[in-house]
């Protein structure tokens, strides 16, 4: 698969998964970010692939010698253990998956509002990477969007977690007009309220879902990040408004 994490498409007993290995070159914390984001997106009702812990044992690795990480110093063999899996929403052998679609086809996306909702999410978790999605065919000549690739959420800059106020790079390409469209105010406000309600209940269940093998010695740092998410939810409406203003200004400049 494309991307700096050097993920692989793997057929498991539960279907096809895009697997990010614990030994990926971007850091094992990428797995923590992916799992936390996938669980939060699920609870918020934003369409994203299901996630799972994928166990690669010695027998699998012997049968799949190409499961390795390439670096400037050579190849590193993936180690047996638990890895992050993002379930492919359709059978990739029989159905098409699109990384990007033309602007003219966005009117056929059946969950276009999720791009507004996920913008609020990305601002909340300080996703340091640009929003990415894939598209699959849906009934009635429609398309479905799936929000993917959250390895740099939780303010992760490649070395550490640090939630900061950064309104840029959160929007999805070709959709700047959507953020200022009729009805967008209600969508933004509804998602801010939903995130705030989720944070009020607490995020302990999300943290417990992450395998301790991925967290290693980062328990205190991760606890601080989740505490920061709760505090950040209290001023999320202002953060989202800043991000939206930047996106609309960019749209006006490019018009």
C-alpha atoms as a PDB file:
ATOM      1  CA  UNK A   1       0.000   0.000   0.000  1.00  0.00           C
ATOM      2  CA  UNK A   2       1.069   3.600  -0.549  1.00  0.00           C
ATOM      3  CA  UNK A   3       2.196   5.783   2.339  1.00  0.00           C
ATOM      4  CA  UNK A   4       5.055   6.209   4.743  1.00  0.00           C
ATOM      5  CA  UNK A   5       3.837   3.513   7.125  1.00  0.00           C
ATOM      6  CA  UNK A   6       4.429   0.829   4.439  1.00  0.00           C
ATOM      7  CA  UNK A   7       1.149  -0.941   5.186  1.00  0.00           C
ATOM      8  CA  UNK A   8       0.278  -4.213   3.478  1.00  0.00           C
ATOM      9  CA  UNK A   9      -2.979  -5.621   2.137  1.00  0.00           C
ATOM     10  CA  UNK A  10      -3.479  -8.895   4.011  1.00  0.00           C
ATOM     11  CA  UNK A  11      -6.112 -11.610   3.667  1.00  0.00           C
ATOM     12  CA  UNK A  12      -7.043 -12.809   7.159  1.00  0.00           C
ATOM     13  CA  UNK A  13      -9.580 -15.322   8.399  1.00  0.00           C
ATOM     14  CA  UNK A  14     -11.982 -12.378   8.819  1.00  0.00           C
ATOM     15  CA  UNK A  15     -11.438 -10.873   5.367  1.00  0.00           C
ATOM     16  CA  UNK A  16      -9.116  -8.328   3.778  1.00  0.00           C
ATOM     17  CA  UNK A  17      -7.336  -5.806   6.000  1.00  0.00           C
ATOM     18  CA  UNK A  18      -4.876  -2.999   5.396  1.00  0.00           C
ATOM     19  CA  UNK A  19      -2.307  -3.795   8.075  1.00  0.00           C
ATOM     20  CA  UNK A  20       0.087  -1.326   9.641  1.00  0.00           C
ATOM     21  CA  UNK A  21       2.881  -3.246  11.303  1.00  0.00           C
ATOM     22  CA  UNK A  22       4.130  -2.442  14.765  1.00  0.00           C
ATOM     23  CA  UNK A  23       7.628  -2.030  13.266  1.00  0.00           C
ATOM     24  CA  UNK A  24       6.487   0.528  10.669  1.00  0.00           C
ATOM     25  CA  UNK A  25       8.972   3.382   9.973  1.00  0.00           C
ATOM     26  CA  UNK A  26       6.609   6.069  11.256  1.00  0.00           C
ATOM     27  CA  UNK A  27       6.593   4.706  14.855  1.00  0.00           C
ATOM     28  CA  UNK A  28       4.484   2.193  16.771  1.00  0.00           C
ATOM     29  CA  UNK A  29       2.469   5.177  18.121  1.00  0.00           C
ATOM     30  CA  UNK A  30       0.870   5.325  14.672  1.00  0.00           C
ATOM     31  CA  UNK A  31      -1.000   2.131  15.628  1.00  0.00           C
ATOM     32  CA  UNK A  32      -2.254   3.784  18.814  1.00  0.00           C
ATOM     33  CA  UNK A  33      -3.465   6.790  16.823  1.00  0.00           C
ATOM     34  CA  UNK A  34      -5.201   4.607  14.249  1.00  0.00           C
ATOM     35  CA  UNK A  35      -6.966   2.469  16.847  1.00  0.00           C
ATOM     36  CA  UNK A  36      -8.077   5.421  18.981  1.00  0.00           C
ATOM     37  CA  UNK A  37      -9.328   7.319  15.924  1.00  0.00           C
ATOM     38  CA  UNK A  38     -11.181   4.340  14.467  1.00  0.00           C
ATOM     39  CA  UNK A  39     -12.922   3.709  17.779  1.00  0.00           C
ATOM     40  CA  UNK A  40     -13.858   7.378  18.202  1.00  0.00           C
ATOM     41  CA  UNK A  41     -15.144   7.610  14.625  1.00  0.00           C
ATOM     42  CA  UNK A  42     -17.289   4.539  15.235  1.00  0.00           C
ATOM     43  CA  UNK A  43     -18.788   6.029  18.383  1.00  0.00           C
ATOM     44  CA  UNK A  44     -19.430   9.325  16.599  1.00  0.00           C
ATOM     45  CA  UNK A  45     -21.223   7.615  13.708  1.00  0.00           C
ATOM     46  CA  UNK A  46     -18.786   8.777  11.023  1.00  0.00           C
ATOM     47  CA  UNK A  47     -18.325   6.167   8.308  1.00  0.00           C
ATOM     48  CA  UNK A  48     -14.894   4.584   8.585  1.00  0.00           C
ATOM     49  CA  UNK A  49     -13.585   1.047   8.144  1.00  0.00           C
ATOM     50  CA  UNK A  50     -13.866  -1.319  11.078  1.00  0.00           C
ATOM     51  CA  UNK A  51     -10.591  -1.891  12.869  1.00  0.00           C
ATOM     52  CA  UNK A  52      -9.103  -4.964  14.472  1.00  0.00           C
ATOM     53  CA  UNK A  53      -5.977  -6.256  16.133  1.00  0.00           C
ATOM     54  CA  UNK A  54      -4.293  -8.525  13.586  1.00  0.00           C
ATOM     55  CA  UNK A  55      -2.037 -11.209  14.989  1.00  0.00           C
ATOM     56  CA  UNK A  56       0.859 -12.278  12.795  1.00  0.00           C
ATOM     57  CA  UNK A  57       2.419 -15.468  14.111  1.00  0.00           C
ATOM     58  CA  UNK A  58       5.655 -17.143  13.068  1.00  0.00           C
ATOM     59  CA  UNK A  59       3.857 -19.447  10.637  1.00  0.00           C
ATOM     60  CA  UNK A  60       2.304 -16.496   8.804  1.00  0.00           C
ATOM     61  CA  UNK A  61       5.603 -14.651   8.605  1.00  0.00           C
ATOM     62  CA  UNK A  62       7.399 -17.728   7.259  1.00  0.00           C
ATOM     63  CA  UNK A  63       4.719 -18.050   4.576  1.00  0.00           C
ATOM     64  CA  UNK A  64       4.846 -14.326   3.748  1.00  0.00           C
ATOM     65  CA  UNK A  65       8.493 -13.255   3.572  1.00  0.00           C
ATOM     66  CA  UNK A  66       7.464 -10.020   1.815  1.00  0.00           C
ATOM     67  CA  UNK A  67       5.997  -8.796   5.105  1.00  0.00           C
ATOM     68  CA  UNK A  68       8.925  -6.533   5.832  1.00  0.00           C
ATOM     69  CA  UNK A  69       9.851  -2.895   6.257  1.00  0.00           C
ATOM     70  CA  UNK A  70      12.253  -1.250   3.835  1.00  0.00           C
ATOM     71  CA  UNK A  71      14.724   1.316   5.114  1.00  0.00           C
ATOM     72  CA  UNK A  72      17.919   2.968   3.940  1.00  0.00           C
ATOM     73  CA  UNK A  73      19.841   0.383   5.908  1.00  0.00           C
ATOM     74  CA  UNK A  74      18.046  -2.528   4.289  1.00  0.00           C
ATOM     75  CA  UNK A  75      14.948  -4.573   4.990  1.00  0.00           C
ATOM     76  CA  UNK A  76      13.579  -5.233   8.456  1.00  0.00           C
ATOM     77  CA  UNK A  77      11.502  -8.369   8.913  1.00  0.00           C
ATOM     78  CA  UNK A  78       8.126  -7.846  10.543  1.00  0.00           C
ATOM     79  CA  UNK A  79       8.039  -9.404  13.994  1.00  0.00           C
ATOM     80  CA  UNK A  80       5.398 -11.768  15.298  1.00  0.00           C
ATOM     81  CA  UNK A  81       2.826 -10.060  17.469  1.00  0.00           C
ATOM     82  CA  UNK A  82      -0.174  -7.755  17.301  1.00  0.00           C
ATOM     83  CA  UNK A  83      -0.606  -5.198  14.528  1.00  0.00           C
ATOM     84  CA  UNK A  84      -3.276  -2.703  13.456  1.00  0.00           C
ATOM     85  CA  UNK A  85      -5.775  -3.762  10.811  1.00  0.00           C
ATOM     86  CA  UNK A  86      -8.248  -1.560   8.925  1.00  0.00           C
ATOM     87  CA  UNK A  87     -10.906  -3.730   7.295  1.00  0.00           C
ATOM     88  CA  UNK A  88     -11.322  -3.198   3.570  1.00  0.00           C
ATOM     89  CA  UNK A  89     -15.026  -2.289   3.185  1.00  0.00           C
ATOM     90  CA  UNK A  90     -15.478  -4.324  -0.024  1.00  0.00           C
ATOM     91  CA  UNK A  91     -13.812  -7.347  -1.574  1.00  0.00           C
ATOM     92  CA  UNK A  92     -10.818  -5.785  -3.401  1.00  0.00           C
ATOM     93  CA  UNK A  93     -10.641  -8.762  -5.757  1.00  0.00           C
ATOM     94  CA  UNK A  94     -14.116  -8.160  -7.165  1.00  0.00           C
ATOM     95  CA  UNK A  95     -15.079  -4.550  -6.387  1.00  0.00           C
ATOM     96  CA  UNK A  96     -13.462  -1.238  -7.184  1.00  0.00           C
ATOM     97  CA  UNK A  97     -12.019   1.141  -4.604  1.00  0.00           C
ATOM     98  CA  UNK A  98     -11.192   4.739  -5.546  1.00  0.00           C
ATOM     99  CA  UNK A  99      -8.584   6.902  -3.824  1.00  0.00           C
ATOM    100  CA  UNK A 100     -10.050  10.042  -5.362  1.00  0.00           C
ATOM    101  CA  UNK A 101     -13.027  10.960  -7.519  1.00  0.00           C
ATOM    102  CA  UNK A 102     -13.652  13.974  -9.800  1.00  0.00           C
ATOM    103  CA  UNK A 103     -15.450  16.976  -8.366  1.00  0.00           C
ATOM    104  CA  UNK A 104     -18.429  16.212 -10.632  1.00  0.00           C
ATOM    105  CA  UNK A 105     -19.076  12.909  -8.832  1.00  0.00           C
ATOM    106  CA  UNK A 106     -19.282  14.235  -5.277  1.00  0.00           C
ATOM    107  CA  UNK A 107     -23.018  14.810  -5.726  1.00  0.00           C
ATOM    108  CA  UNK A 108     -23.354  11.014  -5.891  1.00  0.00           C
ATOM    109  CA  UNK A 109     -21.650  10.412  -2.509  1.00  0.00           C
ATOM    110  CA  UNK A 110     -24.359   9.149  -0.146  1.00  0.00           C
ATOM    111  CA  UNK A 111     -22.639  10.365   3.046  1.00  0.00           C
ATOM    112  CA  UNK A 112     -21.244  13.708   1.925  1.00  0.00           C
ATOM    113  CA  UNK A 113     -22.111  15.188   5.323  1.00  0.00           C
ATOM    114  CA  UNK A 114     -19.450  12.978   6.887  1.00  0.00           C
ATOM    115  CA  UNK A 115     -16.826  15.297   5.397  1.00  0.00           C
ATOM    116  CA  UNK A 116     -18.207  18.108   7.547  1.00  0.00           C
ATOM    117  CA  UNK A 117     -18.409  15.864  10.590  1.00  0.00           C
ATOM    118  CA  UNK A 118     -14.913  14.475  10.134  1.00  0.00           C
ATOM    119  CA  UNK A 119     -13.515  17.993   9.828  1.00  0.00           C
ATOM    120  CA  UNK A 120     -14.784  18.631  13.364  1.00  0.00           C
ATOM    121  CA  UNK A 121     -13.226  15.353  14.451  1.00  0.00           C
ATOM    122  CA  UNK A 122      -9.868  16.187  12.829  1.00  0.00           C
ATOM    123  CA  UNK A 123      -9.775  19.569  14.551  1.00  0.00           C
ATOM    124  CA  UNK A 124     -10.613  17.933  17.887  1.00  0.00           C
ATOM    125  CA  UNK A 125      -7.899  15.262  17.698  1.00  0.00           C
ATOM    126  CA  UNK A 126      -5.444  17.596  15.936  1.00  0.00           C
ATOM    127  CA  UNK A 127      -4.922  15.336  12.955  1.00  0.00           C
ATOM    128  CA  UNK A 128      -1.577  16.561  11.616  1.00  0.00           C
ATOM    129  CA  UNK A 129      -2.140  14.976   8.210  1.00  0.00           C
ATOM    130  CA  UNK A 130      -4.546  16.036   5.479  1.00  0.00           C
ATOM    131  CA  UNK A 131      -7.905  14.288   5.519  1.00  0.00           C
ATOM    132  CA  UNK A 132      -7.944  11.144   3.399  1.00  0.00           C
ATOM    133  CA  UNK A 133     -10.823   8.980   2.235  1.00  0.00           C
ATOM    134  CA  UNK A 134     -11.581   6.132  -0.116  1.00  0.00           C
ATOM    135  CA  UNK A 135     -14.737   5.637  -2.172  1.00  0.00           C
ATOM    136  CA  UNK A 136     -16.690   2.490  -3.008  1.00  0.00           C
ATOM    137  CA  UNK A 137     -19.764   1.877  -5.124  1.00  0.00           C
ATOM    138  CA  UNK A 138     -23.158   1.956  -3.410  1.00  0.00           C
ATOM    139  CA  UNK A 139     -26.662   0.933  -4.558  1.00  0.00           C
ATOM    140  CA  UNK A 140     -28.485   3.167  -7.002  1.00  0.00           C
ATOM    141  CA  UNK A 141     -25.399   4.327  -8.877  1.00  0.00           C
ATOM    142  CA  UNK A 142     -24.186   6.058  -5.712  1.00  0.00           C
ATOM    143  CA  UNK A 143     -20.813   6.179  -3.979  1.00  0.00           C
ATOM    144  CA  UNK A 144     -19.835   5.751  -0.333  1.00  0.00           C
ATOM    145  CA  UNK A 145     -16.954   7.579   1.332  1.00  0.00           C
ATOM    146  CA  UNK A 146     -14.865   5.954   4.057  1.00  0.00           C
ATOM    147  CA  UNK A 147     -12.596   8.026   6.276  1.00  0.00           C
ATOM    148  CA  UNK A 148      -9.138   6.462   6.510  1.00  0.00           C
ATOM    149  CA  UNK A 149      -5.526   7.006   7.542  1.00  0.00           C
ATOM    150  CA  UNK A 150      -5.429   8.611  10.979  1.00  0.00           C
ATOM    151  CA  UNK A 151      -1.858   7.708  11.870  1.00  0.00           C
ATOM    152  CA  UNK A 152      -0.978  11.318  12.680  1.00  0.00           C
ATOM    153  CA  UNK A 153      -3.965  12.060  14.876  1.00  0.00           C
ATOM    154  CA  UNK A 154      -3.620  13.072  18.541  1.00  0.00           C
ATOM    155  CA  UNK A 155      -1.167  15.773  17.514  1.00  0.00           C
ATOM    156  CA  UNK A 156       1.452  13.167  16.595  1.00  0.00           C
ATOM    157  CA  UNK A 157       4.327  14.806  14.731  1.00  0.00           C
ATOM    158  CA  UNK A 158       6.367  11.668  14.129  1.00  0.00           C
ATOM    159  CA  UNK A 159       8.033  11.771  17.535  1.00  0.00           C
ATOM    160  CA  UNK A 160       5.551  12.803  20.213  1.00  0.00           C
ATOM    161  CA  UNK A 161       1.917  13.565  20.971  1.00  0.00           C
ATOM    162  CA  UNK A 162       1.170  17.261  21.371  1.00  0.00           C
ATOM    163  CA  UNK A 163      -2.345  18.564  20.766  1.00  0.00           C
ATOM    164  CA  UNK A 164      -2.126  22.073  19.331  1.00  0.00           C
ATOM    165  CA  UNK A 165      -4.435  24.597  17.694  1.00  0.00           C
ATOM    166  CA  UNK A 166      -3.707  24.209  13.986  1.00  0.00           C
ATOM    167  CA  UNK A 167      -6.694  25.009  11.766  1.00  0.00           C
ATOM    168  CA  UNK A 168      -4.946  24.308   8.458  1.00  0.00           C
ATOM    169  CA  UNK A 169      -4.646  21.062   6.453  1.00  0.00           C
ATOM    170  CA  UNK A 170      -7.833  19.629   7.966  1.00  0.00           C
ATOM    171  CA  UNK A 171     -10.108  19.935   4.955  1.00  0.00           C
ATOM    172  CA  UNK A 172     -10.617  17.427   2.165  1.00  0.00           C
ATOM    173  CA  UNK A 173      -9.408  18.416  -1.333  1.00  0.00           C
ATOM    174  CA  UNK A 174     -12.128  19.607  -3.735  1.00  0.00           C
ATOM    175  CA  UNK A 175     -14.686  20.130  -0.964  1.00  0.00           C
ATOM    176  CA  UNK A 176     -14.001  23.659   0.263  1.00  0.00           C
ATOM    177  CA  UNK A 177     -17.421  24.801  -0.983  1.00  0.00           C
ATOM    178  CA  UNK A 178     -19.117  22.243   1.251  1.00  0.00           C
ATOM    179  CA  UNK A 179     -17.911  23.891   4.453  1.00  0.00           C
ATOM    180  CA  UNK A 180     -19.792  27.095   3.656  1.00  0.00           C
ATOM    181  CA  UNK A 181     -22.877  25.462   2.182  1.00  0.00           C
ATOM    182  CA  UNK A 182     -26.457  25.793   3.353  1.00  0.00           C
ATOM    183  CA  UNK A 183     -27.002  23.514   6.321  1.00  0.00           C
ATOM    184  CA  UNK A 184     -23.299  23.313   7.179  1.00  0.00           C
ATOM    185  CA  UNK A 185     -23.799  25.378  10.352  1.00  0.00           C
ATOM    186  CA  UNK A 186     -26.194  22.792  11.731  1.00  0.00           C
ATOM    187  CA  UNK A 187     -23.883  19.911  10.829  1.00  0.00           C
ATOM    188  CA  UNK A 188     -20.900  21.574  12.486  1.00  0.00           C
ATOM    189  CA  UNK A 189     -22.865  22.419  15.612  1.00  0.00           C
ATOM    190  CA  UNK A 190     -24.374  18.956  15.889  1.00  0.00           C
ATOM    191  CA  UNK A 191     -20.981  17.238  15.693  1.00  0.00           C
ATOM    192  CA  UNK A 192     -19.402  19.606  18.223  1.00  0.00           C
ATOM    193  CA  UNK A 193     -22.235  18.778  20.625  1.00  0.00           C
ATOM    194  CA  UNK A 194     -21.849  15.047  19.982  1.00  0.00           C
ATOM    195  CA  UNK A 195     -18.112  15.133  20.664  1.00  0.00           C
ATOM    196  CA  UNK A 196     -18.674  17.149  23.817  1.00  0.00           C
ATOM    197  CA  UNK A 197     -21.226  14.603  25.051  1.00  0.00           C
ATOM    198  CA  UNK A 198     -18.806  11.773  24.319  1.00  0.00           C
ATOM    199  CA  UNK A 199     -16.024  13.543  26.203  1.00  0.00           C
ATOM    200  CA  UNK A 200     -18.357  14.200  29.158  1.00  0.00           C
ATOM    201  CA  UNK A 201     -18.994  10.482  29.505  1.00  0.00           C
ATOM    202  CA  UNK A 202     -15.257   9.792  29.392  1.00  0.00           C
ATOM    203  CA  UNK A 203     -12.867   8.176  26.940  1.00  0.00           C
ATOM    204  CA  UNK A 204     -11.560   5.371  29.146  1.00  0.00           C
ATOM    205  CA  UNK A 205     -13.197   2.673  27.011  1.00  0.00           C
ATOM    206  CA  UNK A 206     -11.326   3.957  23.948  1.00  0.00           C
ATOM    207  CA  UNK A 207      -8.011   3.877  25.760  1.00  0.00           C
ATOM    208  CA  UNK A 208      -8.674   0.373  27.117  1.00  0.00           C
ATOM    209  CA  UNK A 209      -9.311  -0.909  23.587  1.00  0.00           C
ATOM    210  CA  UNK A 210      -5.705  -0.190  22.580  1.00  0.00           C
ATOM    211  CA  UNK A 211      -3.338  -3.163  23.083  1.00  0.00           C
ATOM    212  CA  UNK A 212      -0.779  -2.508  25.798  1.00  0.00           C
ATOM    213  CA  UNK A 213       1.892  -3.898  23.448  1.00  0.00           C
ATOM    214  CA  UNK A 214       1.466  -0.786  21.291  1.00  0.00           C
ATOM    215  CA  UNK A 215       1.511   1.621  24.216  1.00  0.00           C
ATOM    216  CA  UNK A 216       4.652   0.153  25.812  1.00  0.00           C
ATOM    217  CA  UNK A 217       6.118   2.862  28.075  1.00  0.00           C
ATOM    218  CA  UNK A 218       3.725   5.578  26.914  1.00  0.00           C
ATOM    219  CA  UNK A 219       0.910   5.045  29.427  1.00  0.00           C
ATOM    220  CA  UNK A 220       1.343   8.371  31.223  1.00  0.00           C
ATOM    221  CA  UNK A 221       1.796  10.313  27.969  1.00  0.00           C
ATOM    222  CA  UNK A 222      -1.288   8.734  26.454  1.00  0.00           C
ATOM    223  CA  UNK A 223      -3.323   9.448  29.588  1.00  0.00           C
ATOM    224  CA  UNK A 224      -2.350  13.086  29.279  1.00  0.00           C
ATOM    225  CA  UNK A 225      -3.441  13.138  25.638  1.00  0.00           C
ATOM    226  CA  UNK A 226      -6.876  11.766  26.498  1.00  0.00           C
ATOM    227  CA  UNK A 227      -7.222  14.277  29.331  1.00  0.00           C
ATOM    228  CA  UNK A 228      -6.349  17.005  26.826  1.00  0.00           C
ATOM    229  CA  UNK A 229      -9.038  15.722  24.443  1.00  0.00           C
ATOM    230  CA  UNK A 230     -11.656  16.180  27.147  1.00  0.00           C
ATOM    231  CA  UNK A 231     -10.481  19.739  27.839  1.00  0.00           C
ATOM    232  CA  UNK A 232     -10.227  20.468  24.119  1.00  0.00           C
ATOM    233  CA  UNK A 233     -13.855  19.456  23.579  1.00  0.00           C
ATOM    234  CA  UNK A 234     -14.956  22.354  25.790  1.00  0.00           C
ATOM    235  CA  UNK A 235     -13.626  24.936  23.312  1.00  0.00           C
ATOM    236  CA  UNK A 236     -14.132  22.909  20.159  1.00  0.00           C
ATOM    237  CA  UNK A 237     -16.698  25.272  18.671  1.00  0.00           C
ATOM    238  CA  UNK A 238     -14.104  28.083  18.550  1.00  0.00           C
ATOM    239  CA  UNK A 239     -11.433  25.768  17.123  1.00  0.00           C
ATOM    240  CA  UNK A 240     -13.794  24.577  14.403  1.00  0.00           C
ATOM    241  CA  UNK A 241     -14.801  28.123  13.512  1.00  0.00           C
ATOM    242  CA  UNK A 242     -11.125  29.030  13.064  1.00  0.00           C
ATOM    243  CA  UNK A 243     -10.586  26.033  10.795  1.00  0.00           C
ATOM    244  CA  UNK A 244     -13.692  26.806   8.801  1.00  0.00           C
ATOM    245  CA  UNK A 245     -12.654  30.436   8.338  1.00  0.00           C
ATOM    246  CA  UNK A 246      -9.267  29.338   6.974  1.00  0.00           C
ATOM    247  CA  UNK A 247     -10.902  26.886   4.571  1.00  0.00           C
ATOM    248  CA  UNK A 248     -13.379  29.457   3.246  1.00  0.00           C
ATOM    249  CA  UNK A 249     -10.592  31.997   2.814  1.00  0.00           C
ATOM    250  CA  UNK A 250      -8.565  29.448   0.849  1.00  0.00           C
ATOM    251  CA  UNK A 251     -11.627  28.760  -1.287  1.00  0.00           C
ATOM    252  CA  UNK A 252     -12.097  32.474  -1.998  1.00  0.00           C
ATOM    253  CA  UNK A 253      -8.438  32.909  -2.943  1.00  0.00           C
ATOM    254  CA  UNK A 254      -8.555  30.009  -5.391  1.00  0.00           C
ATOM    255  CA  UNK A 255     -11.831  31.135  -6.985  1.00  0.00           C
END
